[in-house]
Amino acid sequence: MKRIASIALAAVSMAAWAPAAGAADDDKSLIPESWVPGKFSANVGVVSEYIFRGLSQTDDTPALQGGFDWNLESIAGSPVGLYAGFWGSNVDFKTGNHLETDWYAGLQGNIAPIDTTWKLGGLYYLYPRAPTGSNQSYGELTSLLSHDFGLAAFTVGFNYSPDFFGGSGDAEYLSFKLDIPIWKFTLSPIAGRQWIEKNAVFGVPDYWHYGAALTTKIVGFDATVAVSDTNIRDSKCNVVGGVAALPTDPCGPQVTFMLSRTF
């Protein structure tokens, strides 16, 4: 845990003390940032346990996570833009491989009359060095709608995979999230429903997960504490992804802590 936290804090410290980008930086660049449309950003964080859709991915151990994003608000002055990015985290499925990488891209925009933002795209989860035949890597089509009502922002998402993690067939995921500003905090309740065609292959039945996160800023960092749980009974939570039985309960209640920064 100390080693992971040290790496994360060193990375964000370097970003925090780096000189501000400007014309002088462009003069020294082989390919100036001003030549490329859109905006680039990066993020890094450390979390006490990586929870994905209510299920533990790191078996009660911390994770170092980070990624890069590119956003273009408008294509040739239209209300439609583009986004692309990469994100990674360590995982622990007890199968010998320890890395998840997510690659994503798509269209985005704003529905002007109602000021609602949307995204449509694709997401590929790549697990390098996964055991042959484990079928861990898979893709999803993603969609997202978000609207800020002032007192709270509401987001609904829907993902579809033709061949889900572990070769478990068609899968659909529906999620709901609220972001409620409270003084210097943001409270974010969330609920999601995961359907899986081949439950026996994946290792759990179709299920709900739910929880909430509380986030605030501390000297420029996002500090988050989150709670989560699923409606999967202990007797039905035997494996994750149909690849290996974990020694701990990946489906039960979890409390996690995260420190992250975007730059």
C-alpha atoms as a PDB file:
ATOM      1  CA  MET A   1       0.000   0.000   0.000  1.00  0.00           C
ATOM      2  CA  LYS A   2       2.803   2.437   0.922  1.00  0.00           C
ATOM      3  CA  ARG A   3       4.640   1.729  -2.326  1.00  0.00           C
ATOM      4  CA  ILE A   4       1.536   2.294  -4.461  1.00  0.00           C
ATOM      5  CA  ALA A   5       0.668   5.503  -2.637  1.00  0.00           C
ATOM      6  CA  SER A   6       4.249   6.768  -3.018  1.00  0.00           C
ATOM      7  CA  ILE A   7       4.218   6.176  -6.782  1.00  0.00           C
ATOM      8  CA  ALA A   8       0.854   7.924  -7.171  1.00  0.00           C
ATOM      9  CA  LEU A   9       1.843  10.928  -5.046  1.00  0.00           C
ATOM     10  CA  ALA A  10       5.161  11.257  -6.876  1.00  0.00           C
ATOM     11  CA  ALA A  11       3.362  11.317 -10.217  1.00  0.00           C
ATOM     12  CA  VAL A  12       0.873  13.976  -9.220  1.00  0.00           C
ATOM     13  CA  SER A  13       3.611  16.005  -7.506  1.00  0.00           C
ATOM     14  CA  MET A  14       5.565  16.134 -10.745  1.00  0.00           C
ATOM     15  CA  ALA A  15       2.443  17.350 -12.540  1.00  0.00           C
ATOM     16  CA  ALA A  16       1.693  19.934  -9.867  1.00  0.00           C
ATOM     17  CA  TRP A  17       5.192  21.465 -10.009  1.00  0.00           C
ATOM     18  CA  ALA A  18       5.579  21.315 -13.788  1.00  0.00           C
ATOM     19  CA  PRO A  19       5.790  24.719 -15.576  1.00  0.00           C
ATOM     20  CA  ALA A  20       2.544  25.987 -17.088  1.00  0.00           C
ATOM     21  CA  ALA A  21       2.120  25.173 -20.773  1.00  0.00           C
ATOM     22  CA  GLY A  22       2.342  28.086 -23.166  1.00  0.00           C
ATOM     23  CA  ALA A  23       3.965  29.515 -26.237  1.00  0.00           C
ATOM     24  CA  ALA A  24       7.445  28.852 -24.843  1.00  0.00           C
ATOM     25  CA  ASP A  25       6.624  25.169 -24.421  1.00  0.00           C
ATOM     26  CA  ASP A  26       5.301  24.984 -27.988  1.00  0.00           C
ATOM     27  CA  ASP A  27       8.575  26.471 -29.258  1.00  0.00           C
ATOM     28  CA  LYS A  28      10.460  23.589 -27.656  1.00  0.00           C
ATOM     29  CA  SER A  29       8.060  20.861 -28.802  1.00  0.00           C
ATOM     30  CA  LEU A  30       8.726  18.551 -31.725  1.00  0.00           C
ATOM     31  CA  ILE A  31       4.941  18.571 -32.301  1.00  0.00           C
ATOM     32  CA  PRO A  32       3.346  21.588 -30.518  1.00  0.00           C
ATOM     33  CA  GLU A  33       0.113  20.908 -28.654  1.00  0.00           C
ATOM     34  CA  SER A  34      -1.476  23.851 -30.468  1.00  0.00           C
ATOM     35  CA  TRP A  35      -1.224  21.885 -33.721  1.00  0.00           C
ATOM     36  CA  VAL A  36      -3.691  19.271 -32.444  1.00  0.00           C
ATOM     37  CA  PRO A  37      -7.369  20.237 -32.000  1.00  0.00           C
ATOM     38  CA  GLY A  38      -9.077  19.463 -28.726  1.00  0.00           C
ATOM     39  CA  LYS A  39      -7.736  19.239 -25.193  1.00  0.00           C
ATOM     40  CA  PHE A  40      -5.586  16.623 -23.491  1.00  0.00           C
ATOM     41  CA  SER A  41      -5.730  15.648 -19.804  1.00  0.00           C
ATOM     42  CA  ALA A  42      -4.313  12.956 -17.579  1.00  0.00           C
ATOM     43  CA  ASN A  43      -5.333  11.456 -14.258  1.00  0.00           C
ATOM     44  CA  VAL A  44      -3.711   9.328 -11.591  1.00  0.00           C
ATOM     45  CA  GLY A  45      -5.026   7.895  -8.341  1.00  0.00           C
ATOM     46  CA  VAL A  46      -4.635   5.288  -5.651  1.00  0.00           C
ATOM     47  CA  VAL A  47      -7.631   3.388  -4.245  1.00  0.00           C
ATOM     48  CA  SER A  48      -7.830   1.003  -1.294  1.00  0.00           C
ATOM     49  CA  GLU A  49      -9.670  -1.572  -3.446  1.00  0.00           C
ATOM     50  CA  TYR A  50     -10.792  -1.570  -7.082  1.00  0.00           C
ATOM     51  CA  ILE A  51     -14.559  -2.136  -7.245  1.00  0.00           C
ATOM     52  CA  PHE A  52     -16.170  -2.569 -10.690  1.00  0.00           C
ATOM     53  CA  ARG A  53     -19.964  -2.713 -10.864  1.00  0.00           C
ATOM     54  CA  GLY A  54     -20.104  -3.778  -7.232  1.00  0.00           C
ATOM     55  CA  LEU A  55     -17.534  -6.603  -7.567  1.00  0.00           C
ATOM     56  CA  SER A  56     -13.984  -6.508  -6.217  1.00  0.00           C
ATOM     57  CA  GLN A  57     -11.257  -6.727  -8.872  1.00  0.00           C
ATOM     58  CA  THR A  58      -8.256  -6.699  -6.521  1.00  0.00           C
ATOM     59  CA  ASP A  59      -9.190  -9.123  -3.733  1.00  0.00           C
ATOM     60  CA  ASP A  60      -9.036  -6.695  -0.793  1.00  0.00           C
ATOM     61  CA  THR A  61      -5.809  -5.062  -1.985  1.00  0.00           C
ATOM     62  CA  PRO A  62      -5.135  -1.492  -3.211  1.00  0.00           C
ATOM     63  CA  ALA A  63      -4.873  -0.384  -6.829  1.00  0.00           C
ATOM     64  CA  LEU A  64      -2.835   2.232  -8.652  1.00  0.00           C
ATOM     65  CA  GLN A  65      -4.894   3.702 -11.494  1.00  0.00           C
ATOM     66  CA  GLY A  66      -4.439   6.328 -14.167  1.00  0.00           C
ATOM     67  CA  GLY A  67      -5.176   7.362 -17.704  1.00  0.00           C
ATOM     68  CA  PHE A  68      -5.111   9.911 -20.513  1.00  0.00           C
ATOM     69  CA  ASP A  69      -8.032  11.638 -22.255  1.00  0.00           C
ATOM     70  CA  TRP A  70      -8.563  13.737 -25.365  1.00  0.00           C
ATOM     71  CA  ASN A  71     -11.727  15.807 -25.903  1.00  0.00           C
ATOM     72  CA  LEU A  72     -12.898  17.794 -28.917  1.00  0.00           C
ATOM     73  CA  GLU A  73     -16.016  19.810 -28.101  1.00  0.00           C
ATOM     74  CA  SER A  74     -17.087  20.452 -31.684  1.00  0.00           C
ATOM     75  CA  ILE A  75     -16.449  18.996 -35.147  1.00  0.00           C
ATOM     76  CA  ALA A  76     -16.306  21.895 -37.625  1.00  0.00           C
ATOM     77  CA  GLY A  77     -18.592  24.061 -35.480  1.00  0.00           C
ATOM     78  CA  SER A  78     -21.273  21.384 -35.101  1.00  0.00           C
ATOM     79  CA  PRO A  79     -22.904  20.404 -31.780  1.00  0.00           C
ATOM     80  CA  VAL A  80     -21.134  17.035 -32.024  1.00  0.00           C
ATOM     81  CA  GLY A  81     -17.643  16.409 -30.661  1.00  0.00           C
ATOM     82  CA  LEU A  82     -15.221  13.540 -30.162  1.00  0.00           C
ATOM     83  CA  TYR A  83     -13.536  11.873 -27.226  1.00  0.00           C
ATOM     84  CA  ALA A  84     -10.896   9.167 -26.812  1.00  0.00           C
ATOM     85  CA  GLY A  85      -8.782   7.849 -24.001  1.00  0.00           C
ATOM     86  CA  PHE A  86      -6.986   5.137 -22.121  1.00  0.00           C
ATOM     87  CA  TRP A  87      -7.207   4.005 -18.490  1.00  0.00           C
ATOM     88  CA  GLY A  88      -5.419   1.301 -16.549  1.00  0.00           C
ATOM     89  CA  SER A  89      -5.411  -0.441 -13.173  1.00  0.00           C
ATOM     90  CA  ASN A  90      -3.857  -3.431 -11.492  1.00  0.00           C
ATOM     91  CA  VAL A  91      -6.227  -6.373 -10.876  1.00  0.00           C
ATOM     92  CA  ASP A  92      -6.037  -9.714  -9.078  1.00  0.00           C
ATOM     93  CA  PHE A  93      -8.105 -12.569 -10.537  1.00  0.00           C
ATOM     94  CA  LYS A  94      -5.679 -15.263  -9.296  1.00  0.00           C
ATOM     95  CA  THR A  95      -4.867 -16.139 -12.902  1.00  0.00           C
ATOM     96  CA  GLY A  96      -1.302 -14.831 -13.140  1.00  0.00           C
ATOM     97  CA  ASN A  97      -2.010 -11.578 -14.989  1.00  0.00           C
ATOM     98  CA  HIS A  98      -2.286  -8.342 -13.022  1.00  0.00           C
ATOM     99  CA  LEU A  99      -3.231  -5.524 -15.406  1.00  0.00           C
ATOM    100  CA  GLU A 100      -6.444  -4.133 -16.901  1.00  0.00           C
ATOM    101  CA  THR A 101      -6.283  -1.550 -19.685  1.00  0.00           C
ATOM    102  CA  ASP A 102      -9.394   0.213 -21.019  1.00  0.00           C
ATOM    103  CA  TRP A 103      -9.383   1.830 -24.470  1.00  0.00           C
ATOM    104  CA  TYR A 104     -12.332   3.991 -25.488  1.00  0.00           C
ATOM    105  CA  ALA A 105     -13.515   6.489 -28.115  1.00  0.00           C
ATOM    106  CA  GLY A 106     -16.744   7.937 -29.424  1.00  0.00           C
ATOM    107  CA  LEU A 107     -19.005  10.872 -30.157  1.00  0.00           C
ATOM    108  CA  GLN A 108     -20.292  13.404 -27.635  1.00  0.00           C
ATOM    109  CA  GLY A 109     -22.455  16.494 -27.619  1.00  0.00           C
ATOM    110  CA  ASN A 110     -25.077  18.641 -25.982  1.00  0.00           C
ATOM    111  CA  ILE A 111     -28.805  18.748 -26.707  1.00  0.00           C
ATOM    112  CA  ALA A 112     -29.144  22.546 -26.635  1.00  0.00           C
ATOM    113  CA  PRO A 113     -32.859  23.056 -25.893  1.00  0.00           C
ATOM    114  CA  ILE A 114     -32.698  20.969 -22.722  1.00  0.00           C
ATOM    115  CA  ASP A 115     -28.954  21.331 -21.984  1.00  0.00           C
ATOM    116  CA  THR A 116     -28.422  17.571 -21.737  1.00  0.00           C
ATOM    117  CA  THR A 117     -25.054  16.043 -22.565  1.00  0.00           C
ATOM    118  CA  TRP A 118     -24.679  12.680 -24.289  1.00  0.00           C
ATOM    119  CA  LYS A 119     -22.018  10.186 -25.312  1.00  0.00           C
ATOM    120  CA  LEU A 120     -22.044   7.251 -27.739  1.00  0.00           C
ATOM    121  CA  GLY A 121     -18.964   5.121 -28.173  1.00  0.00           C
ATOM    122  CA  GLY A 122     -17.035   1.937 -27.768  1.00  0.00           C
ATOM    123  CA  LEU A 123     -14.925   0.569 -24.916  1.00  0.00           C
ATOM    124  CA  TYR A 124     -12.461  -2.323 -25.022  1.00  0.00           C
ATOM    125  CA  TYR A 125     -11.201  -3.979 -21.839  1.00  0.00           C
ATOM    126  CA  LEU A 126      -7.789  -5.516 -22.562  1.00  0.00           C
ATOM    127  CA  TYR A 127      -6.097  -7.786 -19.997  1.00  0.00           C
ATOM    128  CA  PRO A 128      -2.470  -8.291 -21.106  1.00  0.00           C
ATOM    129  CA  ARG A 129      -0.951 -11.726 -20.510  1.00  0.00           C
ATOM    130  CA  ALA A 130      -4.306 -13.268 -19.607  1.00  0.00           C
ATOM    131  CA  PRO A 131      -4.167 -17.088 -19.688  1.00  0.00           C
ATOM    132  CA  THR A 132      -4.887 -18.623 -23.075  1.00  0.00           C
ATOM    133  CA  GLY A 133      -8.551 -19.531 -23.345  1.00  0.00           C
ATOM    134  CA  SER A 134      -9.669 -17.385 -20.410  1.00  0.00           C
ATOM    135  CA  ASN A 135     -11.379 -14.896 -22.765  1.00  0.00           C
ATOM    136  CA  GLN A 136     -10.910 -12.083 -20.280  1.00  0.00           C
ATOM    137  CA  SER A 137     -10.665  -9.261 -22.841  1.00  0.00           C
ATOM    138  CA  TYR A 138     -13.959  -7.991 -24.265  1.00  0.00           C
ATOM    139  CA  GLY A 139     -15.654  -4.954 -25.797  1.00  0.00           C
ATOM    140  CA  GLU A 140     -18.753  -2.907 -25.027  1.00  0.00           C
ATOM    141  CA  LEU A 141     -20.884  -0.363 -26.838  1.00  0.00           C
ATOM    142  CA  THR A 142     -21.506   2.529 -24.450  1.00  0.00           C
ATOM    143  CA  SER A 143     -24.098   5.290 -24.132  1.00  0.00           C
ATOM    144  CA  LEU A 144     -24.585   8.043 -21.569  1.00  0.00           C
ATOM    145  CA  LEU A 145     -27.076  10.850 -20.881  1.00  0.00           C
ATOM    146  CA  SER A 146     -26.499  13.514 -18.225  1.00  0.00           C
ATOM    147  CA  HIS A 147     -28.514  16.539 -17.125  1.00  0.00           C
ATOM    148  CA  ASP A 148     -27.763  19.100 -14.412  1.00  0.00           C
ATOM    149  CA  PHE A 149     -30.940  20.171 -12.607  1.00  0.00           C
ATOM    150  CA  GLY A 150     -29.078  22.631 -10.392  1.00  0.00           C
ATOM    151  CA  LEU A 151     -29.727  20.933  -7.082  1.00  0.00           C
ATOM    152  CA  ALA A 152     -28.355  17.687  -8.528  1.00  0.00           C
ATOM    153  CA  ALA A 153     -27.004  16.238 -11.768  1.00  0.00           C
ATOM    154  CA  PHE A 154     -28.522  12.966 -13.020  1.00  0.00           C
ATOM    155  CA  THR A 155     -26.701  10.489 -15.261  1.00  0.00           C
ATOM    156  CA  VAL A 156     -28.031   7.310 -16.853  1.00  0.00           C
ATOM    157  CA  GLY A 157     -25.866   4.900 -18.827  1.00  0.00           C
ATOM    158  CA  PHE A 158     -26.358   1.736 -20.863  1.00  0.00           C
ATOM    159  CA  ASN A 159     -23.630  -0.650 -22.064  1.00  0.00           C
ATOM    160  CA  TYR A 160     -23.904  -3.706 -24.287  1.00  0.00           C
ATOM    161  CA  SER A 161     -21.340  -6.450 -24.886  1.00  0.00           C
ATOM    162  CA  PRO A 162     -21.802  -9.225 -27.467  1.00  0.00           C
ATOM    163  CA  ASP A 163     -19.320 -11.422 -25.569  1.00  0.00           C
ATOM    164  CA  PHE A 164     -18.760 -10.409 -21.957  1.00  0.00           C
ATOM    165  CA  PHE A 165     -15.819 -11.123 -19.626  1.00  0.00           C
ATOM    166  CA  GLY A 166     -14.730 -14.768 -19.538  1.00  0.00           C
ATOM    167  CA  GLY A 167     -16.690 -15.615 -22.690  1.00  0.00           C
ATOM    168  CA  SER A 168     -20.014 -15.316 -20.849  1.00  0.00           C
ATOM    169  CA  GLY A 169     -22.054 -14.211 -23.861  1.00  0.00           C
ATOM    170  CA  ASP A 170     -24.345 -11.215 -24.329  1.00  0.00           C
ATOM    171  CA  ALA A 171     -24.424  -8.761 -21.449  1.00  0.00           C
ATOM    172  CA  GLU A 172     -26.284  -5.535 -20.746  1.00  0.00           C
ATOM    173  CA  TYR A 173     -25.551  -3.012 -18.018  1.00  0.00           C
ATOM    174  CA  LEU A 174     -27.847  -0.170 -16.912  1.00  0.00           C
ATOM    175  CA  SER A 175     -26.683   2.432 -14.385  1.00  0.00           C
ATOM    176  CA  PHE A 176     -28.119   5.451 -12.582  1.00  0.00           C
ATOM    177  CA  LYS A 177     -26.150   8.120 -10.737  1.00  0.00           C
ATOM    178  CA  LEU A 178     -26.886  11.367  -8.897  1.00  0.00           C
ATOM    179  CA  ASP A 179     -24.291  14.041  -8.069  1.00  0.00           C
ATOM    180  CA  ILE A 180     -25.538  16.244  -5.239  1.00  0.00           C
ATOM    181  CA  PRO A 181     -23.396  19.224  -4.153  1.00  0.00           C
ATOM    182  CA  ILE A 182     -23.429  19.687  -0.370  1.00  0.00           C
ATOM    183  CA  TRP A 183     -21.221  22.554   0.839  1.00  0.00           C
ATOM    184  CA  LYS A 184     -17.689  21.519  -0.154  1.00  0.00           C
ATOM    185  CA  PHE A 185     -18.649  17.906  -0.846  1.00  0.00           C
ATOM    186  CA  THR A 186     -20.382  15.983  -3.614  1.00  0.00           C
ATOM    187  CA  LEU A 187     -22.615  13.075  -2.614  1.00  0.00           C
ATOM    188  CA  SER A 188     -23.050  10.532  -5.411  1.00  0.00           C
ATOM    189  CA  PRO A 189     -25.578   7.699  -4.934  1.00  0.00           C
ATOM    190  CA  ILE A 190     -25.372   5.034  -7.666  1.00  0.00           C
ATOM    191  CA  ALA A 191     -27.273   1.907  -8.682  1.00  0.00           C
ATOM    192  CA  GLY A 192     -26.681  -0.509 -11.538  1.00  0.00           C
ATOM    193  CA  ARG A 193     -28.155  -3.667 -13.013  1.00  0.00           C
ATOM    194  CA  GLN A 194     -25.973  -6.272 -14.782  1.00  0.00           C
ATOM    195  CA  TRP A 195     -27.512  -8.942 -17.021  1.00  0.00           C
ATOM    196  CA  ILE A 196     -25.336 -11.827 -18.258  1.00  0.00           C
ATOM    197  CA  GLU A 197     -26.338 -14.482 -20.783  1.00  0.00           C
ATOM    198  CA  LYS A 198     -24.155 -17.299 -19.409  1.00  0.00           C
ATOM    199  CA  ASN A 199     -24.309 -16.825 -15.653  1.00  0.00           C
ATOM    200  CA  ALA A 200     -22.653 -20.167 -14.934  1.00  0.00           C
ATOM    201  CA  VAL A 201     -19.646 -19.161 -17.040  1.00  0.00           C
ATOM    202  CA  PHE A 202     -19.301 -15.737 -15.450  1.00  0.00           C
ATOM    203  CA  GLY A 203     -19.837 -17.111 -11.960  1.00  0.00           C
ATOM    204  CA  VAL A 204     -22.658 -14.927 -10.580  1.00  0.00           C
ATOM    205  CA  PRO A 205     -26.367 -14.488 -11.408  1.00  0.00           C
ATOM    206  CA  ASP A 206     -27.819 -11.312 -12.894  1.00  0.00           C
ATOM    207  CA  TYR A 207     -27.562  -8.776 -10.114  1.00  0.00           C
ATOM    208  CA  TRP A 208     -28.045  -5.263  -8.769  1.00  0.00           C
ATOM    209  CA  HIS A 209     -25.288  -3.235  -7.180  1.00  0.00           C
ATOM    210  CA  TYR A 210     -25.755  -0.005  -5.257  1.00  0.00           C
ATOM    211  CA  GLY A 211     -23.820   2.419  -3.121  1.00  0.00           C
ATOM    212  CA  ALA A 212     -22.711   5.998  -2.683  1.00  0.00           C
ATOM    213  CA  ALA A 213     -19.541   8.096  -2.739  1.00  0.00           C
ATOM    214  CA  LEU A 214     -18.622  11.293  -0.932  1.00  0.00           C
ATOM    215  CA  THR A 215     -15.965  13.432  -2.628  1.00  0.00           C
ATOM    216  CA  THR A 216     -14.185  16.651  -1.697  1.00  0.00           C
ATOM    217  CA  LYS A 217     -11.059  18.588  -2.653  1.00  0.00           C
ATOM    218  CA  ILE A 218      -7.951  18.482  -0.458  1.00  0.00           C
ATOM    219  CA  VAL A 219      -5.028  20.669  -1.637  1.00  0.00           C
ATOM    220  CA  GLY A 220      -5.985  20.047  -5.263  1.00  0.00           C
ATOM    221  CA  PHE A 221      -6.625  16.321  -4.907  1.00  0.00           C
ATOM    222  CA  ASP A 222     -10.000  14.563  -5.150  1.00  0.00           C
ATOM    223  CA  ALA A 223     -10.524  12.595  -1.933  1.00  0.00           C
ATOM    224  CA  THR A 224     -13.337  10.034  -1.996  1.00  0.00           C
ATOM    225  CA  VAL A 225     -14.850   7.557   0.434  1.00  0.00           C
ATOM    226  CA  ALA A 226     -17.335   5.099  -1.063  1.00  0.00           C
ATOM    227  CA  VAL A 227     -19.579   2.253   0.076  1.00  0.00           C
ATOM    228  CA  SER A 228     -21.008  -0.434  -2.198  1.00  0.00           C
ATOM    229  CA  ASP A 229     -22.858  -3.740  -2.083  1.00  0.00           C
ATOM    230  CA  THR A 230     -24.736  -6.190  -4.328  1.00  0.00           C
ATOM    231  CA  ASN A 231     -27.849  -8.333  -3.950  1.00  0.00           C
ATOM    232  CA  ILE A 232     -25.858 -11.513  -4.722  1.00  0.00           C
ATOM    233  CA  ARG A 233     -26.178 -14.138  -1.993  1.00  0.00           C
ATOM    234  CA  ASP A 234     -22.948 -15.565  -0.578  1.00  0.00           C
ATOM    235  CA  SER A 235     -23.799 -19.017  -1.930  1.00  0.00           C
ATOM    236  CA  LYS A 236     -24.057 -17.577  -5.464  1.00  0.00           C
ATOM    237  CA  CYS A 237     -20.829 -15.588  -5.343  1.00  0.00           C
ATOM    238  CA  ASN A 238     -18.227 -18.229  -6.110  1.00  0.00           C
ATOM    239  CA  VAL A 239     -16.073 -16.807  -8.887  1.00  0.00           C
ATOM    240  CA  VAL A 240     -15.446 -13.563 -10.748  1.00  0.00           C
ATOM    241  CA  GLY A 241     -15.525 -13.780 -14.517  1.00  0.00           C
ATOM    242  CA  GLY A 242     -15.661 -17.572 -14.495  1.00  0.00           C
ATOM    243  CA  VAL A 243     -11.882 -17.776 -14.206  1.00  0.00           C
ATOM    244  CA  ALA A 244     -10.960 -18.457 -10.568  1.00  0.00           C
ATOM    245  CA  ALA A 245     -12.435 -18.765  -7.095  1.00  0.00           C
ATOM    246  CA  LEU A 246     -11.293 -15.927  -4.858  1.00  0.00           C
ATOM    247  CA  PRO A 247     -10.439 -16.501  -1.191  1.00  0.00           C
ATOM    248  CA  THR A 248     -12.528 -13.506  -0.106  1.00  0.00           C
ATOM    249  CA  ASP A 249     -16.070 -12.391  -0.900  1.00  0.00           C
ATOM    250  CA  PRO A 250     -15.965 -10.123  -3.985  1.00  0.00           C
ATOM    251  CA  CYS A 251     -19.745  -9.572  -3.957  1.00  0.00           C
ATOM    252  CA  GLY A 252     -20.315  -8.358  -0.405  1.00  0.00           C
ATOM    253  CA  PRO A 253     -20.328  -4.885   1.155  1.00  0.00           C
ATOM    254  CA  GLN A 254     -17.216  -2.797   0.545  1.00  0.00           C
ATOM    255  CA  VAL A 255     -15.807   0.473   1.890  1.00  0.00           C
ATOM    256  CA  THR A 256     -13.114   2.109  -0.244  1.00  0.00           C
ATOM    257  CA  PHE A 257     -10.957   5.196  -0.114  1.00  0.00           C
ATOM    258  CA  MET A 258      -9.445   7.006  -3.099  1.00  0.00           C
ATOM    259  CA  LEU A 259      -7.052   9.905  -3.656  1.00  0.00           C
ATOM    260  CA  SER A 260      -6.706  11.159  -7.231  1.00  0.00           C
ATOM    261  CA  ARG A 261      -5.769  14.149  -9.342  1.00  0.00           C
ATOM    262  CA  THR A 262      -6.454  15.320 -12.891  1.00  0.00           C
ATOM    263  CA  PHE A 263      -4.010  17.571 -14.719  1.00  0.00           C
END
